[in-house]
C-alpha atoms as a PDB file:
ATOM      1  CA  MET A   1     -94.073  -3.587  -6.610  1.00  0.00           C
ATOM      2  CA  PHE A   2     -91.840  -1.353  -8.935  1.00  0.00           C
ATOM      3  CA  GLY A   3     -91.556  -4.052 -11.717  1.00  0.00           C
ATOM      4  CA  THR A   4     -95.776  -4.416 -11.907  1.00  0.00           C
ATOM      5  CA  VAL A   5     -97.155  -0.384 -12.051  1.00  0.00           C
ATOM      6  CA  ASN A   6     -97.257   0.613 -16.036  1.00  0.00           C
ATOM      7  CA  PRO A   7     -99.492   3.285 -16.198  1.00  0.00           C
ATOM      8  CA  THR A   8     -98.302   4.503 -19.739  1.00  0.00           C
ATOM      9  CA  ASP A   9     -97.582   3.383 -23.011  1.00  0.00           C
ATOM     10  CA  ASP A  10     -93.867   3.622 -22.426  1.00  0.00           C
ATOM     11  CA  ILE A  11     -93.712   2.228 -19.357  1.00  0.00           C
ATOM     12  CA  MET A  12     -95.847  -0.891 -20.395  1.00  0.00           C
ATOM     13  CA  HIS A  13     -93.130  -1.554 -23.136  1.00  0.00           C
ATOM     14  CA  VAL A  14     -90.004  -1.266 -20.840  1.00  0.00           C
ATOM     15  CA  LYS A  15     -91.820  -3.748 -18.548  1.00  0.00           C
ATOM     16  CA  ALA A  16     -92.857  -5.848 -21.256  1.00  0.00           C
ATOM     17  CA  SER A  17     -88.988  -5.748 -22.107  1.00  0.00           C
ATOM     18  CA  TYR A  18     -88.244  -7.240 -19.333  1.00  0.00           C
ATOM     19  CA  VAL A  19     -91.025  -9.479 -17.981  1.00  0.00           C
ATOM     20  CA  GLY A  20     -91.451 -11.145 -21.066  1.00  0.00           C
ATOM     21  CA  ASP A  21     -95.334 -10.950 -20.441  1.00  0.00           C
ATOM     22  CA  TYR A  22     -96.525 -10.226 -23.598  1.00  0.00           C
ATOM     23  CA  SER A  23     -95.668  -9.980 -27.682  1.00  0.00           C
ATOM     24  CA  ASP A  24     -97.623  -6.980 -27.941  1.00  0.00           C
ATOM     25  CA  GLY A  25     -99.745  -4.441 -26.356  1.00  0.00           C
ATOM     26  CA  ALA A  26    -100.369  -0.806 -25.291  1.00  0.00           C
ATOM     27  CA  VAL A  27    -102.147   0.760 -22.411  1.00  0.00           C
ATOM     28  CA  LEU A  28    -105.590   2.505 -23.910  1.00  0.00           C
ATOM     29  CA  ALA A  29    -106.429   4.806 -21.000  1.00  0.00           C
ATOM     30  CA  THR A  30    -105.401   5.295 -17.792  1.00  0.00           C
ATOM     31  CA  LEU A  31    -107.915   5.591 -15.127  1.00  0.00           C
ATOM     32  CA  VAL A  32    -106.123   5.622 -12.100  1.00  0.00           C
ATOM     33  CA  LYS A  33    -102.654   6.979 -11.720  1.00  0.00           C
ATOM     34  CA  PRO A  34     -99.831   6.470  -9.560  1.00  0.00           C
ATOM     35  CA  THR A  35     -99.509   9.969  -7.127  1.00  0.00           C
ATOM     36  CA  ALA A  36     -96.324  10.775  -4.891  1.00  0.00           C
ATOM     37  CA  ALA A  37     -98.286   9.495  -1.724  1.00  0.00           C
ATOM     38  CA  GLU A  38     -99.339   6.215  -3.911  1.00  0.00           C
ATOM     39  CA  PRO A  39     -96.956   5.590  -6.485  1.00  0.00           C
ATOM     40  CA  PHE A  40     -98.028   1.817  -7.066  1.00  0.00           C
ATOM     41  CA  ARG A  41    -101.788   2.585  -7.766  1.00  0.00           C
ATOM     42  CA  SER A  42    -102.476   2.071 -11.145  1.00  0.00           C
ATOM     43  CA  VAL A  43    -106.030   1.186 -13.011  1.00  0.00           C
ATOM     44  CA  THR A  44    -105.511   0.846 -16.673  1.00  0.00           C
ATOM     45  CA  VAL A  45    -107.120  -0.235 -19.654  1.00  0.00           C
ATOM     46  CA  ASN A  46    -104.885  -2.407 -21.365  1.00  0.00           C
ATOM     47  CA  TYR A  47    -104.931  -4.307 -25.292  1.00  0.00           C
ATOM     48  CA  THR A  48    -102.478  -6.966 -25.037  1.00  0.00           C
ATOM     49  CA  LYS A  49    -101.522 -10.093 -27.494  1.00  0.00           C
ATOM     50  CA  LEU A  50    -100.243 -13.407 -26.421  1.00  0.00           C
ATOM     51  CA  ILE A  51    -100.565 -15.419 -28.973  1.00  0.00           C
ATOM     52  CA  ARG A  52    -100.606 -14.194 -32.970  1.00  0.00           C
ATOM     53  CA  ASP A  53    -104.461 -14.663 -33.860  1.00  0.00           C
ATOM     54  CA  ARG A  54    -105.663 -14.122 -29.667  1.00  0.00           C
ATOM     55  CA  ASP A  55    -106.006 -10.822 -28.429  1.00  0.00           C
ATOM     56  CA  PHE A  56    -107.124  -9.120 -24.820  1.00  0.00           C
ATOM     57  CA  LEU A  57    -108.949  -6.603 -23.696  1.00  0.00           C
ATOM     58  CA  CYS A  58    -108.113  -6.108 -19.894  1.00  0.00           C
ATOM     59  CA  LEU A  59    -108.824  -3.741 -16.940  1.00  0.00           C
ATOM     60  CA  GLU A  60    -105.177  -4.021 -15.017  1.00  0.00           C
ATOM     61  CA  ALA A  61    -104.966  -2.475 -11.547  1.00  0.00           C
ATOM     62  CA  SER A  62    -102.378  -2.864  -9.273  1.00  0.00           C
ATOM     63  CA  GLY A  63    -101.326  -1.716  -5.708  1.00  0.00           C
ATOM     64  CA  VAL A  64    -100.244  -2.073  -2.014  1.00  0.00           C
ATOM     65  CA  LEU A  65    -102.745  -2.879   0.909  1.00  0.00           C
ATOM     66  CA  HIS A  66    -101.922  -2.116   4.150  1.00  0.00           C
ATOM     67  CA  PHE A  67    -103.069  -4.523   6.661  1.00  0.00           C
ATOM     68  CA  ALA A  68    -103.311  -3.532  10.818  1.00  0.00           C
ATOM     69  CA  ASN A  69    -100.189  -5.610  12.055  1.00  0.00           C
ATOM     70  CA  GLY A  70     -98.417  -3.331   9.590  1.00  0.00           C
ATOM     71  CA  GLU A  71     -97.842  -5.841   7.110  1.00  0.00           C
ATOM     72  CA  ARG A  72     -97.723  -5.141   3.467  1.00  0.00           C
ATOM     73  CA  VAL A  73     -98.987  -7.093   0.151  1.00  0.00           C
ATOM     74  CA  GLY A  74     -98.715  -6.000  -2.749  1.00  0.00           C
ATOM     75  CA  TYR A  75    -101.543  -7.005  -5.918  1.00  0.00           C
ATOM     76  CA  LEU A  76    -101.183  -7.118  -9.528  1.00  0.00           C
ATOM     77  CA  MET A  77    -105.175  -7.911 -11.038  1.00  0.00           C
ATOM     78  CA  LEU A  78    -106.296  -8.761 -14.928  1.00  0.00           C
ATOM     79  CA  HIS A  79    -109.805  -8.996 -15.671  1.00  0.00           C
ATOM     80  CA  SER A  80    -111.115  -9.055 -19.151  1.00  0.00           C
ATOM     81  CA  ILE A  81    -113.733  -6.997 -20.382  1.00  0.00           C
ATOM     82  CA  GLU A  82    -115.506  -5.474 -23.880  1.00  0.00           C
ATOM     83  CA  SER A  83    -115.604  -1.896 -25.317  1.00  0.00           C
ATOM     84  CA  PRO A  84    -117.197  -1.391 -28.087  1.00  0.00           C
ATOM     85  CA  LEU A  85    -114.691   1.134 -28.742  1.00  0.00           C
ATOM     86  CA  VAL A  86    -112.118  -1.386 -29.255  1.00  0.00           C
ATOM     87  CA  GLN A  87    -113.441  -4.598 -31.431  1.00  0.00           C
ATOM     88  CA  PRO A  88    -111.142  -7.525 -32.515  1.00  0.00           C
ATOM     89  CA  LEU A  89    -108.760  -7.185 -34.994  1.00  0.00           C
ATOM     90  CA  PRO A  90    -109.142  -8.937 -38.815  1.00  0.00           C
ATOM     91  CA  ASN A  91    -108.593 -12.438 -38.573  1.00  0.00           C
ATOM     92  CA  VAL A  92    -107.957 -12.201 -34.551  1.00  0.00           C
ATOM     93  CA  ILE A  93    -110.487 -13.794 -32.213  1.00  0.00           C
ATOM     94  CA  ARG A  94    -110.919 -11.834 -28.553  1.00  0.00           C
ATOM     95  CA  ALA A  95    -110.291 -13.911 -26.061  1.00  0.00           C
ATOM     96  CA  LYS A  96    -110.698 -13.729 -22.036  1.00  0.00           C
ATOM     97  CA  HIS A  97    -108.088 -14.155 -18.931  1.00  0.00           C
ATOM     98  CA  ASN A  98    -108.502 -13.136 -15.426  1.00  0.00           C
ATOM     99  CA  ILE A  99    -104.876 -12.890 -13.338  1.00  0.00           C
ATOM    100  CA  THR A 100    -104.626 -12.036  -9.943  1.00  0.00           C
ATOM    101  CA  GLY A 101    -101.399 -11.691  -8.121  1.00  0.00           C
ATOM    102  CA  PHE A 102    -100.290 -10.851  -4.992  1.00  0.00           C
ATOM    103  CA  PHE A 103     -96.680 -10.723  -3.139  1.00  0.00           C
ATOM    104  CA  ARG A 104     -95.436 -10.266  -0.031  1.00  0.00           C
ATOM    105  CA  GLN A 105     -92.034  -9.752   1.750  1.00  0.00           C
ATOM    106  CA  ILE A 106     -91.289 -12.219   4.521  1.00  0.00           C
ATOM    107  CA  ALA A 107     -87.455 -11.716   4.538  1.00  0.00           C
ATOM    108  CA  PRO A 108     -84.985  -9.711   3.390  1.00  0.00           C
ATOM    109  CA  GLY A 109     -84.721 -10.290  -0.735  1.00  0.00           C
ATOM    110  CA  VAL A 110     -87.339 -12.642  -0.522  1.00  0.00           C
ATOM    111  CA  ILE A 111     -90.394 -12.278  -1.529  1.00  0.00           C
ATOM    112  CA  ASP A 112     -93.745 -14.205  -1.387  1.00  0.00           C
ATOM    113  CA  THR A 113     -95.910 -15.030  -4.507  1.00  0.00           C
ATOM    114  CA  PHE A 114     -99.348 -16.313  -5.694  1.00  0.00           C
ATOM    115  CA  ALA A 115    -100.567 -16.030  -8.512  1.00  0.00           C
ATOM    116  CA  PHE A 116    -104.135 -17.511 -10.238  1.00  0.00           C
ATOM    117  CA  ASP A 117    -104.812 -17.400 -14.264  1.00  0.00           C
ATOM    118  CA  SER A 118    -108.189 -18.632 -15.919  1.00  0.00           C
ATOM    119  CA  VAL A 119    -108.036 -18.289 -19.912  1.00  0.00           C
ATOM    120  CA  GLU A 120    -111.104 -18.810 -22.212  1.00  0.00           C
ATOM    121  CA  PRO A 121    -109.523 -18.582 -25.725  1.00  0.00           C
ATOM    122  CA  GLY A 122    -112.521 -17.994 -27.321  1.00  0.00           C
ATOM    123  CA  GLY A 123    -112.420 -21.055 -30.118  1.00  0.00           C
ATOM    124  CA  ALA A 124    -111.070 -24.105 -30.628  1.00  0.00           C
ATOM    125  CA  ILE A 125    -106.998 -23.940 -30.174  1.00  0.00           C
ATOM    126  CA  MET A 126    -104.768 -26.601 -30.053  1.00  0.00           C
ATOM    127  CA  GLU A 127    -103.995 -27.140 -25.991  1.00  0.00           C
ATOM    128  CA  SER A 128    -100.055 -28.221 -27.033  1.00  0.00           C
ATOM    129  CA  LEU A 129    -100.214 -24.141 -28.204  1.00  0.00           C
ATOM    130  CA  LEU A 130    -102.210 -22.492 -25.704  1.00  0.00           C
ATOM    131  CA  LEU A 131    -100.746 -23.934 -22.566  1.00  0.00           C
ATOM    132  CA  PRO A 132     -97.632 -23.384 -22.497  1.00  0.00           C
ATOM    133  CA  VAL A 133     -97.590 -19.461 -23.485  1.00  0.00           C
ATOM    134  CA  CYS A 134    -100.590 -19.099 -21.000  1.00  0.00           C
ATOM    135  CA  ALA A 135     -97.977 -20.464 -18.381  1.00  0.00           C
ATOM    136  CA  ASN A 136     -95.153 -18.937 -19.669  1.00  0.00           C
ATOM    137  CA  ALA A 137     -96.871 -15.406 -18.969  1.00  0.00           C
ATOM    138  CA  LEU A 138     -98.287 -16.164 -15.720  1.00  0.00           C
ATOM    139  CA  LEU A 139     -94.587 -17.297 -14.488  1.00  0.00           C
ATOM    140  CA  SER A 140     -93.212 -14.459 -15.793  1.00  0.00           C
ATOM    141  CA  ALA A 141     -94.427 -12.968 -12.906  1.00  0.00           C
ATOM    142  CA  THR A 142     -90.895 -14.048 -10.927  1.00  0.00           C
ATOM    143  CA  ASN A 143     -89.765 -11.483 -13.545  1.00  0.00           C
ATOM    144  CA  TYR A 144     -91.206  -8.622 -11.514  1.00  0.00           C
ATOM    145  CA  VAL A 145     -88.019  -8.782  -9.194  1.00  0.00           C
ATOM    146  CA  GLU A 146     -85.005  -8.220 -11.765  1.00  0.00           C
ATOM    147  CA  CYS A 147     -87.636  -5.766 -13.864  1.00  0.00           C
ATOM    148  CA  GLY A 148     -87.618  -3.173 -10.546  1.00  0.00           C
ATOM    149  CA  LEU A 149     -84.008  -3.468 -10.059  1.00  0.00           C
ATOM    150  CA  MET A 150     -83.444  -2.489 -13.792  1.00  0.00           C
ATOM    151  CA  LYS A 151     -85.855  -0.090 -13.285  1.00  0.00           C
ATOM    152  CA  LYS A 152     -83.625   1.262 -10.418  1.00  0.00           C
ATOM    153  CA  LEU A 153     -80.578   0.985 -12.079  1.00  0.00           C
ATOM    154  CA  THR A 154     -82.311   3.176 -14.663  1.00  0.00           C
ATOM    155  CA  TRP A 155     -83.177   5.484 -12.705  1.00  0.00           C
ATOM    156  CA  MET A 156     -80.187   6.195 -10.996  1.00  0.00           C
ATOM    157  CA  LEU A 157     -78.261   6.211 -13.997  1.00  0.00           C
ATOM    158  CA  GLN A 158     -80.290   9.372 -15.285  1.00  0.00           C
ATOM    159  CA  ARG A 159     -80.031  11.263 -12.472  1.00  0.00           C
ATOM    160  CA  ARG A 160     -76.561  10.899 -12.434  1.00  0.00           C
ATOM    161  CA  GLN A 161     -76.450  11.446 -15.337  1.00  0.00           C
ATOM    162  CA  ALA A 162     -78.850  14.570 -15.349  1.00  0.00           C
ATOM    163  CA  ALA A 163     -76.389  15.749 -12.224  1.00  0.00           C
ATOM    164  CA  LEU A 164     -73.236  15.883 -14.166  1.00  0.00           C
ATOM    165  CA  ARG A 165     -74.913  18.153 -17.330  1.00  0.00           C
ATOM    166  CA  VAL A 166     -75.984  20.635 -14.589  1.00  0.00           C
ATOM    167  CA  GLY A 167     -73.184  20.551 -12.431  1.00  0.00           C
ATOM    168  CA  ASP A 168     -74.583  19.490  -8.999  1.00  0.00           C
ATOM    169  CA  MET A 169     -72.210  16.443  -8.922  1.00  0.00           C
ATOM    170  CA  ILE A 170     -68.377  16.505  -9.165  1.00  0.00           C
ATOM    171  CA  PRO A 171     -67.268  12.627 -11.362  1.00  0.00           C
ATOM    172  CA  LEU A 172     -65.323  10.896  -8.675  1.00  0.00           C
ATOM    173  CA  LEU A 173     -61.804  10.630  -9.071  1.00  0.00           C
ATOM    174  CA  ARG A 174     -60.956   7.084  -9.857  1.00  0.00           C
ATOM    175  CA  HIS A 175     -57.612   5.508 -10.439  1.00  0.00           C
ATOM    176  CA  GLU A 176     -57.871   4.031 -13.539  1.00  0.00           C
ATOM    177  CA  ASP A 177     -55.429   1.334 -13.234  1.00  0.00           C
ATOM    178  CA  VAL A 178     -56.576  -0.662 -10.656  1.00  0.00           C
ATOM    179  CA  CYS A 179     -60.137  -2.266 -10.566  1.00  0.00           C
ATOM    180  CA  VAL A 180     -62.586  -0.762  -8.464  1.00  0.00           C
ATOM    181  CA  THR A 181     -63.888  -4.112  -6.912  1.00  0.00           C
ATOM    182  CA  CYS A 182     -60.518  -6.523  -6.738  1.00  0.00           C
ATOM    183  CA  ASN A 183     -57.788  -3.792  -6.769  1.00  0.00           C
ATOM    184  CA  ARG A 184     -56.317  -5.881  -9.748  1.00  0.00           C
ATOM    185  CA  ASN A 185     -53.725  -4.132 -11.498  1.00  0.00           C
ATOM    186  CA  LEU A 186     -54.760  -3.023 -14.491  1.00  0.00           C
ATOM    187  CA  GLN A 187     -51.719  -0.703 -15.808  1.00  0.00           C
ATOM    188  CA  PRO A 188     -50.737  -0.994 -19.284  1.00  0.00           C
ATOM    189  CA  GLY A 189     -48.885  -4.004 -20.782  1.00  0.00           C
ATOM    190  CA  CYS A 190     -50.432  -5.733 -17.744  1.00  0.00           C
ATOM    191  CA  MET A 191     -52.653  -8.847 -19.180  1.00  0.00           C
ATOM    192  CA  LYS A 192     -55.582  -7.580 -17.501  1.00  0.00           C
ATOM    193  CA  SER A 193     -55.536  -4.111 -18.797  1.00  0.00           C
ATOM    194  CA  LEU A 194     -56.636  -5.718 -22.223  1.00  0.00           C
ATOM    195  CA  TRP A 195     -60.523  -6.500 -21.045  1.00  0.00           C
ATOM    196  CA  LYS A 196     -60.773  -3.343 -18.600  1.00  0.00           C
ATOM    197  CA  ALA A 197     -63.934  -2.134 -18.292  1.00  0.00           C
ATOM    198  CA  LYS A 198     -65.722   1.244 -16.772  1.00  0.00           C
ATOM    199  CA  CYS A 199     -68.377   1.437 -14.313  1.00  0.00           C
ATOM    200  CA  LYS A 200     -71.070   3.486 -16.366  1.00  0.00           C
ATOM    201  CA  MET A 201     -72.709   4.448 -12.903  1.00  0.00           C
ATOM    202  CA  CYS A 202     -69.387   5.474 -10.547  1.00  0.00           C
ATOM    203  CA  MET A 203     -66.791   5.122 -13.576  1.00  0.00           C
ATOM    204  CA  GLY A 204     -64.359   2.878 -11.479  1.00  0.00           C
ATOM    205  CA  ALA A 205     -62.383   0.692 -13.619  1.00  0.00           C
ATOM    206  CA  LEU A 206     -63.157  -2.673 -13.458  1.00  0.00           C
ATOM    207  CA  CYS A 207     -60.773  -5.504 -14.644  1.00  0.00           C
ATOM    208  CA  PHE A 208     -63.019  -8.526 -16.938  1.00  0.00           C
ATOM    209  CA  GLY A 209     -64.378 -10.739 -13.920  1.00  0.00           C
ATOM    210  CA  CYS A 210     -65.452  -8.045 -11.924  1.00  0.00           C
ATOM    211  CA  LYS A 211     -67.480  -5.900 -14.519  1.00  0.00           C
ATOM    212  CA  GLU A 212     -71.591  -6.862 -14.449  1.00  0.00           C
ATOM    213  CA  VAL A 213     -72.742  -6.123 -17.535  1.00  0.00           C
ATOM    214  CA  LYS A 214     -77.223  -5.645 -17.993  1.00  0.00           C
ATOM    215  CA  THR A 215     -79.013  -5.459 -20.533  1.00  0.00           C
ATOM    216  CA  ILE A 216     -80.945  -1.743 -20.093  1.00  0.00           C
ATOM    217  CA  SER A 217     -84.191  -0.621 -21.681  1.00  0.00           C
ATOM    218  CA  PHE A 218     -84.406   2.916 -22.797  1.00  0.00           C
ATOM    219  CA  LEU A 219     -86.607   4.839 -25.028  1.00  0.00           C
ATOM    220  CA  SER A 220     -85.627   6.715 -28.474  1.00  0.00           C
ATOM    221  CA  PRO A 221     -87.114  10.262 -29.028  1.00  0.00           C
ATOM    222  CA  ASP A 222     -89.828   9.077 -31.195  1.00  0.00           C
ATOM    223  CA  ARG A 223     -90.230   6.151 -28.559  1.00  0.00           C
ATOM    224  CA  LYS A 224     -88.743   2.984 -30.014  1.00  0.00           C
ATOM    225  CA  LEU A 225     -87.690   0.389 -27.717  1.00  0.00           C
ATOM    226  CA  LEU A 226     -83.493  -0.522 -27.465  1.00  0.00           C
ATOM    227  CA  ARG A 227     -81.438  -2.411 -25.264  1.00  0.00           C
ATOM    228  CA  HIS A 228     -78.201  -1.371 -24.584  1.00  0.00           C
ATOM    229  CA  LYS A 229     -75.668  -3.623 -22.775  1.00  0.00           C
ATOM    230  CA  ILE A 230     -74.279  -1.380 -19.957  1.00  0.00           C
ATOM    231  CA  THR A 231     -71.171  -2.006 -18.171  1.00  0.00           C
ATOM    232  CA  PHE A 232     -71.593  -1.666 -13.655  1.00  0.00           C
ATOM    233  CA  CYS A 233     -69.306  -2.765 -10.802  1.00  0.00           C
ATOM    234  CA  GLY A 234     -70.735  -4.959  -7.845  1.00  0.00           C
ATOM    235  CA  SER A 235     -71.150  -2.236  -5.348  1.00  0.00           C
ATOM    236  CA  CYS A 236     -73.435   0.032  -7.858  1.00  0.00           C
ATOM    237  CA  VAL A 237     -75.247  -2.982  -8.760  1.00  0.00           C
ATOM    238  CA  THR A 238     -75.910  -3.762  -5.235  1.00  0.00           C
ATOM    239  CA  MET A 239     -76.975  -0.043  -4.178  1.00  0.00           C
ATOM    240  CA  ALA A 240     -79.728  -0.175  -6.792  1.00  0.00           C
ATOM    241  CA  THR A 241     -80.859  -3.687  -5.204  1.00  0.00           C
ATOM    242  CA  ARG A 242     -80.937  -1.418  -2.017  1.00  0.00           C
ATOM    243  CA  ALA A 243     -82.201   1.252  -3.331  1.00  0.00           C
ATOM    244  CA  ASN A 244     -86.068   2.744  -2.174  1.00  0.00           C
ATOM    245  CA  ALA A 245     -87.799   1.958  -5.016  1.00  0.00           C
ATOM    246  CA  MET A 246     -90.952   4.048  -3.513  1.00  0.00           C
ATOM    247  CA  ASP A 247     -88.115   7.224  -3.862  1.00  0.00           C
ATOM    248  CA  ALA A 248     -87.774   5.993  -7.734  1.00  0.00           C
ATOM    249  CA  ALA A 249     -91.998   5.214  -8.199  1.00  0.00           C
ATOM    250  CA  ARG A 250     -92.625   8.673  -7.062  1.00  0.00           C
ATOM    251  CA  ASP A 251     -90.111  10.341  -9.314  1.00  0.00           C
ATOM    252  CA  GLN A 252     -92.178   8.183 -12.127  1.00  0.00           C
ATOM    253  CA  ALA A 253     -95.410   9.389 -10.710  1.00  0.00           C
ATOM    254  CA  ASN A 254     -94.356  13.071 -10.701  1.00  0.00           C
ATOM    255  CA  GLY A 255     -93.309  12.602 -14.112  1.00  0.00           C
ATOM    256  CA  TYR A 256     -89.724  11.977 -14.706  1.00  0.00           C
ATOM    257  CA  GLN A 257     -88.582  10.042 -17.573  1.00  0.00           C
ATOM    258  CA  PRO A 258     -85.835   8.117 -16.455  1.00  0.00           C
ATOM    259  CA  TYR A 259     -86.050   5.742 -19.825  1.00  0.00           C
ATOM    260  CA  ASN A 260     -85.289   8.021 -21.915  1.00  0.00           C
ATOM    261  CA  SER A 261     -82.173   7.375 -23.929  1.00  0.00           C
ATOM    262  CA  TRP A 262     -79.204  10.161 -23.589  1.00  0.00           C
END
């Protein structure tokens, strides 16, 4: 669920960079803000565009349902609304769509997903143009897991950088001539050393075959989206995968801004 919630404009743009669910958009109002107790619960009014001459004004709600048998099911719902305060732009038609999505973990690392979308394009439009765009937007729900992982990696990375700056964490002493993953020799003069890299999280040395490069989204001081390729080791990526998203979501709900570039 960490990959679905976007209670602010900044978080919405970060999410869209990973999910690819819309081409342009903004959070116009936040009606229910996430809290430390319910970090995935959010209700917002969003403006989005999927096609060049169509836009949408939607009420978006996300959260987690708790059932008597102990099962938890995440939900994401978007419902088109009308408001005299938000009129369509010139030469743009206000379309409508309603999306319902449910997410249930059925095994470690396995999420059962159900999603449904109905669209009213608001006028004549070629199906060959509309259907692929709507289908891709719906199928983008499969990217929420990757989005959540990238957001957790960013959160962990920012926490580590902040701890190093204030002296709360001592940098790990790593042998720079040995790959932290496979223990290959990376001493100068060795062929493997020509493509040596370093994990940005643990600062361990990596050979070319063991490094994992992730494209991470950050926000510049003027709130523009920046995309940086950052190298990690497999252990740090696994650590982020297994990290409790609730901790990162609570930090986000409490106002921590892990997506600011440093």
